[in-house]
Amino acid sequence: MTGGGDKTDWKRVRSMKDEDIIYDDDSPIGFLLDSDVIEWYKKQNIAYQPLVNELLCYYVEAHH
């Protein structure tokens, strides 16, 4: 899958600790999905956001 020109400094991200992350109104919690994944769901006429949330909840439950 393609990252669509991802410019994230992943080495820096991986080295961060939870307390290094600032959560405020200027930095909402979110994540990016690859554009080809989103396009596939759109072509299937599937609302991907609730589905991704549900899949992540199942994953968390299975690994909790």
Foldseek 3Di string as FASTA:
>chain_A
DDPVPDPDPVVVVVPDDPVVDDDDPVDDDDDDDHPVVVVVCVVVVHPVPVVVVVVVVVVVVVVD
